[in-house]
Protein backbone atom coordinates (compact mmCIF):
# COMPACT_ATOMS: atom_id res chain seq x y z
CA MET A 1 -41.71 197.74 136.30
CA ILE A 2 -42.12 194.18 134.99
CA ARG A 3 -45.49 195.13 133.47
CA ARG A 4 -43.94 198.10 131.63
CA LEU A 5 -41.10 195.92 130.34
CA TYR A 6 -43.61 193.28 129.19
CA ASP A 7 -45.78 195.88 127.44
CA TRP A 8 -42.71 197.45 125.83
CA THR A 9 -41.55 194.03 124.59
CA LEU A 10 -45.01 193.30 123.14
CA ALA A 11 -45.03 196.68 121.40
CA TRP A 12 -41.52 196.09 120.02
CA ALA A 13 -42.57 192.60 118.89
CA ALA A 14 -45.05 194.21 116.49
CA HIS A 15 -42.43 196.61 115.07
CA PRO A 16 -41.62 196.19 111.34
CA HIS A 17 -37.95 195.42 112.12
CA ALA A 18 -38.67 192.98 114.94
CA LEU A 19 -37.55 189.94 112.89
CA TRP A 20 -34.12 191.51 112.39
CA VAL A 21 -33.80 192.24 116.09
CA LEU A 22 -34.87 188.67 116.90
CA ALA A 23 -32.28 187.34 114.44
CA ILE A 24 -29.53 189.43 116.02
CA VAL A 25 -30.50 188.44 119.57
CA SER A 26 -30.73 184.75 118.57
CA PHE A 27 -27.35 184.91 116.84
CA VAL A 28 -25.41 186.55 119.67
CA GLU A 29 -27.18 184.56 122.40
CA SER A 30 -25.73 181.37 120.94
CA SER A 31 -22.16 182.50 121.50
CA VAL A 32 -21.86 185.40 123.96
CA PHE A 33 -25.12 187.14 124.96
CA PRO A 34 -26.71 186.03 128.26
CA ILE A 35 -30.38 186.72 127.42
CA PRO A 36 -32.29 184.00 125.51
CA PRO A 37 -34.23 184.91 122.35
CA ASP A 38 -37.47 183.75 123.98
CA ILE A 39 -37.94 187.24 125.42
CA LEU A 40 -38.68 188.41 121.86
CA LEU A 41 -39.86 185.16 120.31
CA ILE A 42 -42.84 184.70 122.62
CA PRO A 43 -44.28 188.22 122.42
CA MET A 44 -43.67 188.34 118.66
CA ILE A 45 -45.71 185.18 118.14
CA LEU A 46 -48.39 186.43 120.55
CA ALA A 47 -48.57 189.71 118.61
CA ALA A 48 -48.67 188.00 115.18
CA PRO A 49 -49.67 184.31 115.47
CA HIS A 50 -50.10 184.06 111.68
CA ARG A 51 -46.30 184.55 111.42
CA ALA A 52 -45.43 181.95 114.10
CA TRP A 53 -43.59 179.60 111.70
CA LEU A 54 -41.59 182.40 110.07
CA ILE A 55 -40.62 183.80 113.47
CA ALA A 56 -39.55 180.35 114.74
CA GLY A 57 -37.62 179.74 111.51
CA VAL A 58 -35.70 183.02 111.74
CA CYS A 59 -34.94 182.33 115.40
CA THR A 60 -33.72 178.80 114.60
CA VAL A 61 -31.49 179.76 111.65
CA ALA A 62 -29.94 182.73 113.46
CA SER A 63 -29.39 180.66 116.61
CA VAL A 64 -27.63 177.85 114.73
CA LEU A 65 -25.44 180.35 112.84
CA GLY A 66 -24.58 182.00 116.17
CA GLY A 67 -23.79 178.54 117.52
CA VAL A 68 -21.28 178.08 114.70
CA LEU A 69 -19.66 181.35 115.83
CA GLY A 70 -19.54 179.98 119.39
CA TYR A 71 -18.02 176.78 118.06
CA GLY A 72 -15.40 178.88 116.25
CA ILE A 73 -14.61 180.77 119.45
CA GLY A 74 -13.99 177.48 121.24
CA PHE A 75 -12.06 175.98 118.34
CA TYR A 76 -9.82 178.94 117.51
CA ALA A 77 -9.51 180.79 120.82
CA PHE A 78 -9.24 177.89 123.27
CA GLU A 79 -5.44 177.80 123.13
CA THR A 80 -5.11 181.53 123.76
CA LEU A 81 -7.93 181.91 126.30
CA GLY A 82 -9.16 178.60 127.69
CA GLU A 83 -5.97 176.62 128.03
CA PRO A 84 -4.10 179.22 130.14
CA ILE A 85 -7.09 179.42 132.45
CA LEU A 86 -7.20 175.62 132.84
CA THR A 87 -3.45 175.56 133.46
CA ALA A 88 -3.74 178.26 136.14
CA LEU A 89 -6.52 176.26 137.79
CA GLY A 90 -4.47 173.07 137.62
CA LYS A 91 -7.05 171.39 135.34
CA ALA A 92 -5.12 171.22 132.05
CA ASP A 93 -4.32 167.50 132.47
CA SER A 94 -7.92 166.54 133.18
CA PHE A 95 -9.19 168.42 130.12
CA GLU A 96 -7.90 165.74 127.71
CA ALA A 97 -9.95 163.06 129.47
CA PHE A 98 -12.92 165.42 129.49
CA ARG A 99 -12.44 166.12 125.75
CA THR A 100 -12.61 162.42 124.91
CA HIS A 101 -15.64 161.84 127.10
CA TYR A 102 -17.40 164.96 125.78
CA ASN A 103 -16.86 164.02 122.15
CA ASP A 104 -18.34 160.57 122.81
CA TRP A 105 -21.52 162.20 124.10
CA GLY A 106 -21.27 165.69 122.55
CA ALA A 107 -24.26 165.38 120.23
CA TRP A 108 -26.46 164.66 123.25
CA ALA A 109 -25.00 167.63 125.12
CA VAL A 110 -25.79 169.90 122.18
CA LEU A 111 -29.32 168.50 121.96
CA MET A 112 -29.99 168.94 125.68
CA ALA A 113 -28.54 172.45 125.86
CA GLY A 114 -30.34 173.47 122.68
CA ILE A 115 -33.74 172.51 124.07
CA THR A 116 -33.48 173.29 127.77
CA PRO A 117 -32.80 176.58 129.60
CA PHE A 118 -29.16 175.47 130.01
CA PRO A 119 -27.01 178.19 128.38
CA TYR A 120 -26.53 176.97 124.81
CA LYS A 121 -23.52 179.25 124.35
CA VAL A 122 -21.51 177.18 126.85
CA ILE A 123 -22.05 174.06 124.79
CA THR A 124 -21.29 175.82 121.50
CA ILE A 125 -17.94 177.05 122.79
CA LEU A 126 -17.18 173.76 124.54
CA SER A 127 -17.98 171.83 121.35
CA GLY A 128 -15.40 173.87 119.46
CA ALA A 129 -12.83 173.61 122.25
CA THR A 130 -13.10 169.82 122.35
CA GLY A 131 -13.12 169.49 118.57
CA LEU A 132 -16.55 167.87 118.35
CA SER A 133 -17.29 167.12 114.71
CA LEU A 134 -18.65 170.32 113.15
CA SER A 135 -21.24 168.39 111.12
CA VAL A 136 -22.47 166.58 114.26
CA PHE A 137 -22.60 169.91 116.08
CA ILE A 138 -24.58 171.63 113.30
CA PHE A 139 -27.01 168.73 112.89
CA ALA A 140 -27.66 168.47 116.64
CA SER A 141 -28.06 172.26 116.84
CA ILE A 142 -30.60 172.36 114.01
CA VAL A 143 -32.64 169.58 115.63
CA ALA A 144 -32.45 171.03 119.15
CA ARG A 145 -33.01 174.70 118.37
CA GLY A 146 -35.66 173.89 115.77
CA LEU A 147 -37.49 171.66 118.23
CA ARG A 148 -37.34 174.28 120.95
CA PHE A 149 -38.45 177.29 118.90
CA PHE A 150 -41.01 175.49 116.73
CA LEU A 151 -42.57 173.82 119.78
CA VAL A 152 -42.97 177.23 121.42
CA ALA A 153 -44.40 178.57 118.15
CA ALA A 154 -46.84 175.67 117.84
CA LEU A 155 -48.10 176.06 121.41
CA LEU A 156 -48.49 179.81 121.08
CA TRP A 157 -50.12 179.48 117.64
CA LYS A 158 -52.61 176.91 118.93
CA PHE A 159 -53.26 178.30 122.43
CA GLY A 160 -52.05 181.89 122.05
CA ALA A 161 -54.90 183.81 123.64
CA PRO A 162 -55.25 181.61 126.76
CA ILE A 163 -51.48 181.44 127.21
CA ARG A 164 -51.19 185.19 126.79
CA ASP A 165 -53.95 185.69 129.35
CA PHE A 166 -52.22 183.25 131.73
CA ILE A 167 -48.89 185.06 131.34
CA GLU A 168 -50.41 188.51 131.77
CA ARG A 169 -52.37 187.54 134.91
CA ARG A 170 -49.31 185.87 136.43
CA LEU A 171 -46.57 188.09 135.03
CA GLY A 172 -44.69 188.37 138.31
CA LEU A 173 -44.75 184.59 138.79
CA MET A 174 -43.67 183.96 135.19
CA PHE A 175 -40.79 186.42 135.52
CA THR A 176 -39.72 184.82 138.80
CA LEU A 177 -39.82 181.32 137.28
CA PHE A 178 -37.80 182.50 134.29
CA MET A 179 -35.17 184.06 136.55
CA VAL A 180 -35.00 180.96 138.78
CA LEU A 181 -34.45 178.76 135.70
CA LEU A 182 -31.82 181.13 134.33
CA PHE A 183 -30.04 181.41 137.70
CA GLY A 184 -30.27 177.64 138.21
CA ALA A 185 -28.65 177.04 134.83
CA PHE A 186 -25.77 179.36 135.72
CA LEU A 187 -25.33 177.63 139.10
CA LEU A 188 -25.28 174.26 137.41
CA LEU A 189 -22.56 175.55 135.10
CA ARG A 190 -20.50 176.73 138.00
CA PHE A 191 -20.52 173.31 139.65
CA LEU A 192 -19.74 171.32 136.49
């Protein structure tokens, strides 16, 4: 089943509208969607390494724009959604201290979440909810997401065939590692 999904993704990655799909996935992943854009980014670059920089650029721009949507969700919907939840959990008082602490270090949180497998959408929404400076948020997002996607593009552009061969021979292992990282990120969120 994993092999069929991988082959289907590679075939879709070569589709003429694949950049639009990647842009949509990157946009919604930054605010609400649980699946990272890497599932399309990687096979798209493997299928067309000469377009690696364009693909990474589209992914970066769409992801940052989606992050701004996530920021807006946190900024505008926190009072109607987040605050009642915190009050019900008895955490409303501690949120103010958290807000101050987060805004002192928020740019670093955005950078770390934008580069690592940690769900970026959590940080986008949290940045809006705490009122992190929008310009700081956008700058940190551009740096982080650009670094992440362009680094992947550079590695795949330079070492594409060997990496593709490695992935295809160890597809089950790669899928398992991806799921462990994804699950680990969600567990980490739960305990924060």
